[in-house]
Structures are given as structure tokens and as C-alpha cells.
Protein backbone atom coordinates (compact mmCIF):
# COMPACT_ATOMS: atom_id res chain seq x y z
CA MET A 1 26.80 -9.85 27.70
CA THR A 2 28.67 -5.66 27.99
CA THR A 3 26.77 -3.76 26.20
CA LYS A 4 28.33 -2.03 23.35
CA ARG A 5 29.15 1.67 23.69
CA ILE A 6 28.84 3.11 19.72
CA ALA A 7 30.00 6.41 19.23
CA ILE A 8 28.33 8.80 16.69
CA ALA A 9 28.23 12.50 14.69
CA GLY A 10 28.21 13.96 11.95
CA PHE A 11 29.49 16.13 9.40
CA GLN A 12 27.59 16.97 6.20
CA HIS A 13 28.43 18.94 3.38
CA GLU A 14 28.24 19.04 -0.71
CA THR A 15 30.50 20.80 -2.62
CA ASN A 16 29.34 22.88 -5.56
CA CYS A 17 33.38 23.84 -5.92
CA PHE A 18 32.32 26.65 -8.93
CA GLY A 19 29.67 27.80 -6.00
CA VAL A 20 29.81 31.69 -5.56
CA THR A 21 29.55 31.73 -1.48
CA LYS A 22 32.23 28.83 1.08
CA ALA A 23 31.27 27.14 4.18
CA GLY A 24 32.33 28.37 7.10
CA LEU A 25 32.02 27.59 11.02
CA HIS A 26 28.21 29.57 10.84
CA GLU A 27 27.13 28.07 8.60
CA PHE A 28 27.40 24.20 9.77
CA GLU A 29 26.19 26.38 12.53
CA MET A 30 22.59 27.66 11.22
CA ALA A 31 19.21 26.10 10.66
CA ASP A 32 18.56 25.91 6.54
CA SER A 33 16.79 22.82 5.37
CA TRP A 34 17.75 20.82 8.40
CA PRO A 35 18.57 21.48 12.15
CA GLY A 36 21.53 24.26 13.24
CA MET A 37 24.52 22.02 14.43
CA LEU A 38 23.39 19.75 17.50
CA HIS A 39 26.12 19.03 20.67
CA GLY A 40 26.29 15.32 22.52
CA THR A 41 22.35 14.72 23.58
CA GLN A 42 20.61 16.94 20.93
CA VAL A 43 22.03 15.35 18.56
CA VAL A 44 19.53 12.04 18.80
CA SER A 45 16.79 14.20 20.84
CA GLU A 46 16.37 16.55 18.22
CA THR A 47 16.14 13.86 14.36
CA THR A 48 14.28 11.68 16.13
CA GLY A 49 11.93 10.93 13.66
CA MET A 50 12.82 12.59 11.01
CA ASN A 51 15.15 10.98 7.23
CA LEU A 52 18.45 11.57 7.81
CA PRO A 53 20.71 8.50 8.97
CA ILE A 54 21.81 9.52 12.17
CA ALA A 55 18.40 9.29 13.50
CA GLY A 56 17.96 5.80 11.66
CA PHE A 57 21.00 4.71 12.90
CA ALA A 58 20.22 5.94 16.72
CA ALA A 59 16.76 4.19 16.22
CA ALA A 60 18.42 0.90 15.52
CA ALA A 61 21.15 0.68 17.47
CA LYS A 62 18.61 1.28 19.99
CA GLY A 63 16.84 -1.37 18.98
CA VAL A 64 19.78 -4.14 19.10
CA GLY A 65 21.09 -3.25 23.04
CA PHE A 66 23.79 -0.47 22.22
CA GLU A 67 24.65 2.45 24.01
CA VAL A 68 25.09 5.51 21.27
CA ILE A 69 27.47 8.19 22.76
CA PRO A 70 26.35 11.36 20.34
CA VAL A 71 29.19 13.60 20.29
CA LEU A 72 28.25 16.57 17.25
CA TRP A 73 25.68 16.69 14.34
CA CYS A 74 25.87 19.63 11.58
CA SER A 75 25.42 20.31 7.80
CA ALA A 76 25.64 23.29 5.87
CA GLU A 77 23.73 23.81 2.48
CA PRO A 78 25.13 22.99 -0.08
CA SER A 79 27.71 25.81 -1.53
CA ALA A 80 31.64 25.89 -2.87
CA HIS A 81 34.07 25.01 -0.10
CA VAL A 82 33.91 24.11 3.01
CA THR A 83 36.66 27.11 4.53
CA ASP A 84 39.54 25.02 6.51
CA HIS A 85 38.54 27.36 9.98
CA ALA A 86 35.23 25.83 9.46
CA PHE A 87 36.45 21.81 7.96
CA GLU A 88 39.24 22.29 10.87
CA THR A 89 37.35 23.19 13.63
CA ILE A 90 34.74 20.56 13.19
CA CYS A 91 36.81 18.13 13.10
CA GLU A 92 38.94 18.91 16.65
CA MET A 93 35.23 18.71 18.17
CA MET A 94 34.72 15.82 16.40
CA LEU A 95 37.14 14.56 17.72
CA SER A 96 37.76 15.13 20.85
CA GLY A 97 33.97 14.50 21.76
CA ILE A 98 35.55 10.95 20.71
CA ARG A 99 37.91 11.00 23.17
CA ASP A 100 35.88 11.73 26.02
CA ALA A 101 33.33 9.08 25.46
CA GLY A 102 35.84 7.43 27.04
CA LEU A 103 35.80 3.60 26.13
CA ILE A 104 33.72 2.77 23.31
CA ASP A 105 33.11 -0.32 20.85
CA GLY A 106 32.70 0.79 17.50
CA VAL A 107 31.91 4.87 16.09
CA TYR A 108 29.29 6.04 12.79
CA LEU A 109 29.74 8.67 11.43
CA ASP A 110 26.96 10.07 9.01
CA LEU A 111 28.47 12.32 6.35
CA HIS A 112 28.22 13.04 2.76
CA GLY A 113 30.34 12.37 0.23
CA ALA A 114 31.72 15.20 -1.52
CA MET A 115 33.28 16.97 0.63
CA VAL A 116 35.85 19.60 -0.75
CA THR A 117 37.36 21.95 1.08
CA GLU A 118 39.80 25.15 1.22
CA SER A 119 42.78 22.91 1.46
CA LEU A 120 41.71 19.68 0.84
CA ALA A 121 39.54 18.00 -2.40
CA ASP A 122 39.04 14.95 0.37
CA GLY A 123 36.96 16.15 3.14
CA GLU A 124 35.41 12.99 3.93
CA GLY A 125 38.81 11.06 2.85
CA GLU A 126 40.55 13.32 5.62
CA LEU A 127 38.13 13.13 7.99
CA LEU A 128 37.63 9.56 7.58
CA ARG A 129 41.67 9.42 8.25
CA ARG A 130 42.04 11.34 11.53
CA VAL A 131 39.60 9.09 13.03
CA ARG A 132 40.74 6.18 12.12
CA GLU A 133 44.65 7.22 13.63
CA GLU A 134 42.20 8.84 17.09
CA VAL A 135 40.74 5.24 17.59
CA GLY A 136 43.18 2.85 15.97
CA PRO A 137 43.24 0.51 13.11
CA GLU A 138 41.11 -2.44 15.52
CA LEU A 139 37.67 -0.55 16.41
CA PRO A 140 34.70 -0.87 14.20
CA LEU A 141 34.39 2.53 11.82
CA VAL A 142 31.37 2.31 9.12
CA ALA A 143 29.68 5.74 7.71
CA SER A 144 26.67 6.65 5.59
CA LEU A 145 27.40 9.05 2.86
CA ASP A 146 24.74 10.47 0.12
CA LEU A 147 24.19 8.91 -3.27
CA HIS A 148 25.81 12.29 -4.65
CA ALA A 149 28.87 10.34 -2.64
CA ASN A 150 32.77 11.11 -5.02
CA ILE A 151 33.91 8.12 -3.46
CA SER A 152 38.06 7.73 -3.03
CA ALA A 153 40.97 4.78 -2.08
CA GLU A 154 40.58 6.90 0.98
CA MET A 155 37.65 6.96 1.93
CA ILE A 156 37.31 2.83 1.29
CA GLU A 157 41.09 2.14 3.27
CA HIS A 158 39.50 4.18 6.68
CA ALA A 159 36.52 2.94 6.42
CA ASP A 160 35.15 -0.86 7.26
CA TYR A 161 31.49 -0.23 5.86
CA LEU A 162 30.11 2.80 3.84
CA SER A 163 26.05 2.58 3.62
CA ILE A 164 24.60 5.00 0.08
CA PHE A 165 21.21 6.31 -0.09
CA ARG A 166 19.53 3.94 -2.92
CA THR A 167 17.09 6.97 -3.63
CA TYR A 168 16.77 10.08 -5.83
CA PRO A 169 14.85 11.68 -4.46
CA HIS A 170 16.43 10.91 -1.24
CA LEU A 171 13.73 8.58 0.38
CA ASP A 172 15.34 6.30 2.16
CA MET A 173 18.19 8.67 4.16
CA ALA A 174 17.17 6.76 7.74
CA GLU A 175 17.36 3.53 6.18
CA THR A 176 20.95 3.74 5.65
CA GLY A 177 21.92 5.16 8.39
CA ALA A 178 20.35 2.19 10.12
CA ARG A 179 21.36 -1.04 7.84
CA CYS A 180 24.84 0.33 8.82
CA VAL A 181 23.29 -1.58 12.15
CA PRO A 182 23.71 -4.92 11.08
CA VAL A 183 27.43 -4.34 9.56
CA LEU A 184 28.36 -2.68 12.74
CA GLN A 185 26.84 -5.93 14.92
CA ARG A 186 28.96 -8.84 12.42
CA LEU A 187 32.07 -6.36 12.85
CA LEU A 188 31.92 -6.67 16.56
CA ALA A 189 31.47 -10.11 16.05
CA GLY A 190 34.61 -10.41 14.61
CA GLU A 191 33.84 -10.68 11.46
CA THR A 192 35.95 -9.76 8.23
CA LEU A 193 34.14 -8.05 4.89
CA TYR A 194 36.35 -8.21 2.54
CA LYS A 195 36.67 -4.55 0.39
CA ALA A 196 35.58 -4.29 -3.93
CA PHE A 197 35.86 -0.95 -4.96
CA GLN A 198 35.31 -0.10 -8.55
CA PRO A 199 34.82 2.92 -9.86
CA VAL A 200 32.48 4.32 -13.66
CA PRO A 201 34.62 5.62 -16.02
CA TYR A 202 31.45 8.19 -17.07
CA LEU A 203 29.82 11.82 -15.58
CA VAL A 204 26.09 11.63 -15.07
CA PRO A 205 24.62 14.80 -14.31
CA LEU A 206 22.41 14.99 -11.42
CA HIS A 207 19.25 15.52 -13.26
CA ALA A 208 19.81 11.99 -14.97
CA GLN A 209 19.78 10.56 -11.88
CA HIS A 210 16.50 10.12 -10.63
CA THR A 211 16.69 6.60 -9.12
CA GLY A 212 12.52 6.24 -10.60
CA SER A 213 14.33 6.12 -13.70
CA ALA A 214 15.85 4.15 -16.72
CA PRO A 215 18.63 3.41 -16.18
CA PHE A 216 18.29 3.78 -12.34
CA ASP A 217 15.64 2.08 -11.50
CA GLU A 218 17.38 -1.26 -12.18
CA ILE A 219 20.63 -0.83 -11.42
CA TYR A 220 19.62 0.61 -7.74
CA GLN A 221 17.59 -3.21 -7.59
CA LEU A 222 20.89 -5.12 -7.62
CA PRO A 223 22.50 -4.40 -4.04
CA THR A 224 18.93 -5.79 -3.01
CA ARG A 225 19.50 -9.33 -5.66
CA PHE A 226 22.98 -9.27 -3.94
CA GLU A 227 21.38 -9.55 -0.15
CA GLN A 228 20.38 -12.63 -1.67
CA GLN A 229 23.91 -13.86 -1.51
CA GLU A 230 24.74 -12.67 1.47
CA VAL A 231 27.06 -9.65 -0.81
CA LEU A 232 26.54 -5.53 0.30
CA ALA A 233 26.97 -3.81 -2.60
CA GLU A 234 27.42 0.15 -2.26
CA ILE A 235 26.86 2.43 -5.60
CA ALA A 236 26.64 6.57 -5.19
CA LEU A 237 26.38 8.37 -8.51
CA GLY A 238 29.34 11.44 -7.53
CA PHE A 239 27.64 15.15 -8.12
CA THR A 240 29.79 15.99 -10.59
CA ALA A 241 29.87 19.76 -9.63
CA ALA A 242 32.74 18.83 -6.95
CA ASP A 243 36.01 19.66 -9.67
CA PHE A 244 37.94 16.08 -8.03
CA PRO A 245 39.84 13.24 -9.40
CA ASP A 246 37.29 11.24 -8.40
CA THR A 247 34.05 12.66 -8.90
CA GLY A 248 31.66 10.52 -10.61
CA PRO A 249 29.91 6.72 -9.99
CA SER A 250 30.92 3.97 -8.27
CA CYS A 251 30.18 1.23 -6.29
CA VAL A 252 32.30 -0.34 -3.26
CA VAL A 253 31.59 -3.70 -2.30
CA TYR A 254 32.04 -6.31 0.58
CA ALA A 255 31.75 -10.46 0.96
CA SER A 256 33.01 -12.72 3.22
CA LYS A 257 35.41 -14.14 0.47
CA ALA A 258 38.12 -11.40 -1.42
CA GLU A 259 37.24 -13.00 -5.37
CA LYS A 260 33.36 -12.11 -4.36
CA ALA A 261 33.47 -8.62 -3.43
CA SER A 262 35.81 -8.36 -6.86
CA ALA A 263 33.32 -10.18 -9.17
CA VAL A 264 30.14 -7.93 -8.30
CA ALA A 265 31.80 -4.35 -8.28
CA GLU A 266 32.29 -5.90 -12.32
CA GLU A 267 28.90 -7.13 -13.29
CA ILE A 268 27.64 -3.60 -11.90
CA VAL A 269 30.22 -1.64 -13.85
CA ASN A 270 29.36 -4.29 -16.82
CA VAL A 271 25.01 -3.04 -15.87
CA PHE A 272 26.46 0.64 -15.78
CA MET A 273 28.11 0.29 -18.71
CA SER A 274 25.17 -1.48 -20.98
CA ARG A 275 22.41 1.18 -19.63
CA GLU A 276 24.65 4.15 -20.55
CA ALA A 277 22.99 5.74 -23.86
CA ASP A 278 19.84 5.57 -21.37
CA LEU A 279 20.62 8.08 -19.31
CA ASP A 280 18.29 11.14 -20.62
CA CYS A 281 20.63 14.51 -19.78
CA SER A 282 18.29 16.56 -21.58
CA MET A 283 16.72 19.83 -20.97
CA LEU A 284 14.28 22.11 -22.38
CA SER A 285 15.78 25.36 -23.47
CA LEU A 286 13.50 28.56 -22.27
CA GLU A 287 11.98 28.75 -25.48
CA GLU A 288 10.34 25.41 -25.36
CA ALA A 289 10.29 26.54 -21.35
CA VAL A 290 7.94 28.71 -22.32
CA SER A 291 5.85 27.35 -25.25
CA THR A 292 5.57 24.16 -22.78
CA CYS A 293 3.31 26.28 -20.18
CA ARG A 294 0.51 27.57 -23.11
CA GLN A 295 -0.51 23.35 -24.14
CA ARG A 296 -3.14 22.51 -21.90
CA TRP A 297 -2.76 20.51 -18.81
CA GLU A 298 -4.87 18.18 -16.80
CA ARG A 299 -2.83 18.80 -13.82
CA PRO A 300 -0.21 21.27 -13.42
CA VAL A 301 2.95 21.20 -15.60
CA VAL A 302 6.46 21.38 -12.83
CA LEU A 303 9.23 23.36 -14.44
CA ALA A 304 12.44 22.15 -12.28
CA ASP A 305 15.24 25.19 -12.80
CA VAL A 306 17.64 22.83 -12.60
CA GLN A 307 20.76 24.54 -12.36
CA ASP A 308 19.95 26.97 -9.52
CA ASN A 309 19.55 24.37 -7.13
CA ALA A 310 20.63 25.71 -3.74
CA GLY A 311 20.45 22.04 -2.37
CA ALA A 312 23.70 21.25 -5.42
CA GLY A 313 25.01 24.99 -4.24
CA GLY A 314 23.39 26.88 -6.24
CA THR A 315 22.37 30.62 -5.56
CA SER A 316 18.66 30.92 -5.68
CA ASP A 317 18.28 34.12 -7.47
CA THR A 318 18.90 33.47 -11.04
CA THR A 319 16.00 35.23 -13.09
CA GLY A 320 16.48 33.49 -16.57
CA LEU A 321 13.05 31.35 -16.73
CA LEU A 322 11.35 34.30 -14.25
CA ALA A 323 12.08 36.42 -17.33
CA ALA A 324 11.36 33.96 -20.01
CA LEU A 325 7.98 32.99 -18.25
CA ILE A 326 7.01 36.49 -17.84
CA GLU A 327 8.17 37.00 -21.53
CA GLY A 328 6.29 34.81 -23.10
CA GLY A 329 3.35 35.68 -20.40
CA THR A 330 2.97 32.97 -18.71
CA LYS A 331 -0.76 32.61 -17.01
CA ASN A 332 -1.66 31.51 -13.48
CA ALA A 333 1.98 30.12 -12.98
CA LEU A 334 4.15 29.87 -9.63
CA MET A 335 7.48 29.68 -8.68
CA GLY A 336 10.17 29.65 -5.94
CA LEU A 337 12.19 29.37 -3.94
CA PHE A 338 13.68 33.20 -4.94
CA HIS A 339 17.05 33.39 -2.17
CA ASP A 340 16.54 37.28 -2.10
CA PRO A 341 17.15 38.48 1.38
CA GLU A 342 16.66 42.54 0.29
CA SER A 343 13.83 41.98 -1.05
CA ALA A 344 11.81 40.56 1.62
CA LYS A 345 12.60 43.13 3.11
CA GLN A 346 11.39 45.04 1.55
CA ALA A 347 8.13 43.76 1.67
CA HIS A 348 7.84 42.94 5.06
CA THR A 349 8.39 46.37 6.04
CA ALA A 350 5.31 47.91 2.69
CA GLY A 351 2.96 44.89 4.41
CA GLU A 352 0.71 42.34 3.00
CA GLY A 353 -1.54 43.74 0.17
CA ALA A 354 0.97 46.50 0.15
CA LEU A 355 1.98 47.47 -4.38
CA ILE A 356 5.03 47.99 -4.52
CA GLU A 357 8.70 48.08 -6.88
CA LEU A 358 11.36 45.20 -6.28
CA ALA A 359 14.68 43.68 -7.83
CA ILE A 360 14.05 40.26 -7.40
CA GLY A 361 16.40 38.29 -7.46
CA ALA A 362 20.83 38.10 -8.89
CA LYS A 363 21.80 39.68 -5.68
CA SER A 364 24.45 36.81 -5.21
CA ASP A 365 26.93 38.61 -8.15
CA LEU A 366 26.65 35.55 -10.86
CA ALA A 367 28.17 36.61 -14.17
CA GLY A 368 25.30 37.96 -16.45
CA GLN A 369 22.44 37.67 -14.07
CA ILE A 370 20.25 40.76 -14.29
CA PRO A 371 16.91 41.54 -11.06
CA VAL A 372 13.41 41.55 -12.67
CA ILE A 373 12.39 44.62 -12.23
CA ALA A 374 8.06 45.09 -11.62
CA GLU A 375 5.60 45.79 -9.28
CA PHE A 376 3.93 43.63 -7.33
CA GLU A 377 1.53 43.30 -4.75
CA VAL A 378 2.67 41.38 -1.73
CA LEU A 379 -0.15 38.78 -1.14
CA ALA A 380 1.20 37.40 2.30
CA LEU A 381 4.62 37.51 5.16
CA GLY A 382 6.17 34.90 6.83
CA ASP A 383 9.27 34.05 10.12
CA GLY A 384 10.32 31.19 7.56
CA THR A 385 8.75 28.79 9.81
CA CYS A 386 8.32 26.13 7.24
CA ARG A 387 7.05 22.21 8.33
CA TYR A 388 7.46 20.03 5.94
CA THR A 389 4.87 17.87 5.33
CA GLY A 390 6.46 15.60 2.09
CA GLU A 391 7.60 12.03 2.40
CA MET A 392 11.80 13.65 2.11
CA TYR A 393 11.20 15.71 5.11
CA GLY A 394 8.58 15.35 5.99
CA GLY A 395 8.18 15.77 10.17
CA GLY A 396 11.56 18.19 9.92
CA VAL A 397 11.25 22.28 9.84
CA ALA A 398 12.65 24.66 6.99
CA THR A 399 14.06 27.75 8.36
CA LEU A 400 13.12 30.25 5.45
CA GLY A 401 13.92 33.44 7.71
CA LYS A 402 11.75 35.83 6.00
CA THR A 403 9.81 34.71 3.35
CA ALA A 404 6.83 36.46 1.13
CA ALA A 405 4.81 35.75 -1.53
CA LEU A 406 4.38 37.99 -4.07
CA ARG A 407 2.52 38.57 -6.93
CA LEU A 408 3.46 40.12 -10.39
CA VAL A 409 1.12 42.97 -11.93
CA GLY A 410 0.83 45.42 -14.05
CA GLN A 411 1.95 42.70 -16.86
CA GLU A 412 0.26 39.90 -19.24
CA ALA A 413 1.43 37.42 -17.73
CA GLU A 414 0.74 36.17 -13.90
CA ILE A 415 3.00 34.87 -11.69
CA ASP A 416 2.86 34.22 -7.91
CA LEU A 417 6.56 33.37 -6.17
CA VAL A 418 7.88 32.97 -2.60
CA ILE A 419 11.22 34.84 -1.24
CA THR A 420 13.27 33.98 1.22
CA SER A 421 15.69 35.27 3.18
CA ILE A 422 17.65 31.74 3.61
CA ARG A 423 18.80 29.77 1.10
CA ASN A 424 16.57 27.03 0.89
CA GLN A 425 15.26 24.01 -2.22
CA CYS A 426 12.31 23.94 -3.20
CA LEU A 427 11.31 20.31 -2.43
CA ASP A 428 8.39 20.71 -0.73
CA CYS A 429 4.85 22.01 -1.36
CA ALA A 430 5.57 22.54 2.01
CA HIS A 431 7.64 25.62 0.60
CA PHE A 432 4.37 27.41 -0.91
CA THR A 433 1.26 26.20 1.28
CA HIS A 434 3.15 27.43 4.39
CA ILE A 435 2.40 31.21 3.68
CA GLY A 436 -0.90 30.72 2.07
CA LEU A 437 -0.42 29.46 -2.09
CA ASN A 438 -1.30 25.94 -3.01
CA PRO A 439 0.54 24.45 -5.72
CA MET A 440 -2.41 22.86 -7.13
CA ASN A 441 -4.60 25.41 -7.91
CA TYR A 442 -1.70 27.47 -10.40
CA ALA A 443 -1.46 25.77 -14.46
CA VAL A 444 2.32 25.83 -13.26
CA ILE A 445 4.52 25.30 -10.86
CA CYS A 446 8.38 26.17 -11.24
CA VAL A 447 10.81 24.80 -8.22
CA LYS A 448 14.67 25.56 -8.58
CA SER A 449 15.73 21.87 -7.68
CA THR A 450 17.47 19.89 -9.52
CA ALA A 451 15.33 15.85 -8.29
CA HIS A 452 14.43 15.98 -5.17
CA PHE A 453 11.09 17.97 -5.48
CA ARG A 454 10.03 15.17 -7.30
CA ALA A 455 8.60 13.24 -4.49
CA ASP A 456 5.94 16.06 -3.08
CA PHE A 457 6.08 17.40 -6.66
CA GLY A 458 5.47 13.99 -8.32
CA PRO A 459 2.10 13.56 -8.02
CA ILE A 460 0.32 16.21 -8.35
CA ALA A 461 2.12 16.94 -11.57
CA GLY A 462 0.59 17.08 -15.47
CA ASP A 463 4.07 16.21 -16.34
CA ILE A 464 7.89 16.90 -15.84
CA PHE A 465 10.43 19.37 -17.65
CA ALA A 466 14.69 19.92 -17.41
CA VAL A 467 15.25 23.61 -18.26
CA SER A 468 17.89 24.93 -19.09
CA SER A 469 19.13 28.34 -17.31
CA PRO A 470 21.27 29.68 -16.30
CA GLY A 471 22.58 29.00 -12.73
CA ALA A 472 25.90 28.05 -10.87
CA PHE A 473 25.13 24.43 -10.84
CA LEU A 474 25.96 23.27 -14.05
CA CYS A 475 23.47 20.19 -15.40
CA ASP A 476 25.10 20.82 -19.29
CA LEU A 477 28.73 19.29 -18.20
CA GLU A 478 30.60 20.09 -21.13
CA LYS A 479 30.27 24.08 -19.68
CA ILE A 480 32.10 22.87 -17.05
CA PRO A 481 35.74 24.16 -16.21
CA TYR A 482 36.73 20.97 -14.88
CA ALA A 483 40.27 20.98 -14.12
CA CYS A 484 41.09 17.57 -12.00
CA ILE A 485 38.32 15.21 -13.72
CA THR A 486 38.84 12.20 -14.92
CA ARG A 487 36.25 10.20 -15.74
CA ARG A 488 34.26 11.00 -19.76
CA LEU A 489 30.71 12.84 -20.08
CA PRO A 490 28.41 9.91 -21.27
CA LYS A 491 26.73 9.31 -24.43
CA THR A 492 23.57 9.75 -24.03
CA ARG A 493 20.71 10.36 -26.41
CA SER A 494 20.59 13.85 -25.76
CA ALA A 495 22.40 15.79 -28.55
CA SER A 496 23.29 18.72 -25.91
CA PHE A 497 25.24 15.80 -24.54
CA SER A 498 27.08 13.77 -27.54
CA LEU A 499 31.03 14.30 -27.71
């Protein structure tokens, strides 16, 4: 039997249409939370063992005897729109790589599903259209998507199968890529999979999408149940900062009979409708967050600065929560990650042990933000090479640039914080421990993250609270100036989201 040759590539971006800075080609070339741009054999060699979809696919493909032809893989930290230059350049690199691969039997793509460019509302839909045009209508084309994908009809049309993460925090990224392999085998054997696509009529803010909480702890059991009926059900929850007509939750179902696929898709949407009132979209005010810090906890209380999450296009330099903690005289608190290259450079110049006045944060020109000006002790300095230790990214390396651990001095409040030169979401305890700060030694831990932090900080937390502090990634959907959204806000038990 002839070995099947499968071309693989990845192009990842989650676009916050209300963000501050755009993603150009440089942002896709540089390393940040994930590796920098990878070409050819690097795609496999530099991702092996990592919790990435393309790594999971490559390992599973090798296990069934496929020959993998790696083309390109790249990602950029979530931000505002992808520039047209970056999109066109990367698309052409992918397409030329597929052409140069010679005779191939299939294509796998590692995508996000919420990419918006300067000129395209549906980046992945256009990318899949171009790849389909390149390889023809018969060649199997499969792709993996993020749980936060905003799925469009064009994406469904051009891909034979879309595999979607089932956990948030995303613990199953590699597994999701691997799940494409048996489906690709079926397609290569000539099997026909009928598709059914159903949108859910309401939006879900990201901080309410945690799959370990109701209602998604139940909803994400559905794909496994339907697999027992030989039906492939994939569910996305959408990325609410992408102002795009298809933004929002949806499901896509694949089955050997069209009517079965349609029936399962309808059943999934009915479950969404029946559980809508169980969504918890609540957030603490800054005053409530400070009050929470004054309570006695046996283990650290974790405050999530959910609207300043670099992993959702936030600037990671807003100061609302930090200023509130200082004003409230909060004791024994740890906070990060602040994206502040200017302050990091000043700390490195001053050296460890120095006392230095810094203007922390508010460097990104986000409206209404002012820096926190105070004196700090430089506790430690680092080059920003941070090896993840948590379950989600374990095995990978974050690139933070010049980094500093600082301690507030001359104030009633007791706060340590970590500042970086490259924007990263604070989702792993290693973001603190790599520079000598142990989160377990603090009464309060403040992370600039929306939900991914739960994987590593959840096990050590006395409790976890989302905090409503200003940022470029709004979780209060009523405050987002949407222009293109077609779905309504959710009807939930959170007073702040009442309609």
C-alpha cells in the first residue's frame, strides 16, 4: 500500500477588533507565548512534545504510517487586526509550500478560527478557500480550530472536517490536532461525511466559557456521547472581541447520513438554549476585589484581571486593579504580567537591590489609563526565558524579553509584581517562579488572564474571582461598540448582563 503524503501547516491569530496594535509579519516571526515562525522540518522538530495541535497531528500521523510534509507554522500574540501584508505573505508561503510538496494525498491546517485582517472579516474562511482552490475539490482538507473560533459557512464549505478544542483552559490542543488523523483516514478511504452547521443565537463572554463550570461542563460531554453513535460533533464558543457577523457559539456535526448530522446539531443547540440561564458572567468591581483581599483565606485568593488579558488582545499594561490594591492597602499580594519594556529597561539599568521610581503601566495609549508612579525595589532581573511547568503549556518556553520582579516600597500596601518586555498572558506559575517569586507565599495573586490561568493557579487557589477593571478586552459585552454582530447578548443570572 502506498504511503499517504500529508502536507501540514499552521497560521494562528485571535483578533481583537478593539485592540490597540496590529499583527504584522514581524509579530508572526517572533517568539512570544509560542515559538517564532517555523519553516519546513522545523515545524515538527521545534514543536514535538508540545501541547499544540500541529504537534498532536504530526505524532498521530506518524503513528498510522502517514508521511508528513511540514510546510510552515506561525502564530502572533492576540492583538488588533492582522495586516494585509502579513496575511498575504504568510498565505503565499503556505500555498507555495503545498505546491512544492509534490504529489500529496491530503492537507492538515492548524488554525485558530477568529482571525480578522485589515481587509477580511473571515481570515480563516479566505485561507481555506485559497487552499481548496490550490488542491482541488477532491483532496481531503482537514483543520483544527480553537474553542473560541467564530465559525463561518465558508470555513465549513472548504474544509472536509474541523476539529475543535473541548477544554478551556485549552488542555487538549495536541489531542484536537490528533483527532483529525482518523477522520483523514476515513476520507482517504473514500468515505463521505455529511456536514451540519448550526449557530447558537447568543454570545458568551470568555470569562463565562470555563469548561470546568456550568453549563459547559455538561455541554462538552456531548461530543463523547455522540461518538458512540458514530457521529462527530464539534462545538465552538466564539471569540467576542472579533466584530464579525459569525461571532458566537456554534456547532458543526459530521455523520454518514445528512439527516443524522442535522438532528444532532439541532439537539446541541437546544441544550445551549436550555442552559443559557446557568451562565455566570459576574465580575467583582474594584472595590469588591479589594474587600475580598481583606478576608482570611487558607490558600491564596486569585483575582483575574480578565479584561487586560494579552491572550485576548489586551495590552497587559492597564493599572486599574494595581491602583485599587495600593489605595486599599492590600497586604502580601503578587501581580503579573505587566507589559512595560520601558520600566523593565530602567530596572535592568538600576540593577538588583536598587530602589527606583517607576511609572508602571499605561504605555500603550489605551484611553483613560494612567501609570502608577511609585518607588520600587528591584528584587530580581531576568532575560525572559521562561520554561512553562503547568499542564497547559508544559514543555514549551515563553519568551518574555527583559524581565524584572519588583516590590512596592514606601506604601501601606505590600505588592510584588513582574514586568516584561514582550506581551504574554499570565497563565502559568512559572511566570513568577522563573524569576524567584513563589505564588504560594502570597495571600493574594492577581493574574492578567481570563481563564487559562485556572489550569495552573486553580489547584493552589483558595478561591478565584473575575474582576472588572478597565482593559482592551471587554468581558462586559454591553459596553462593546459592536458594528457587525448579529447575535444577542446572553440572558444570564449576572445583573450586569440583564437585558
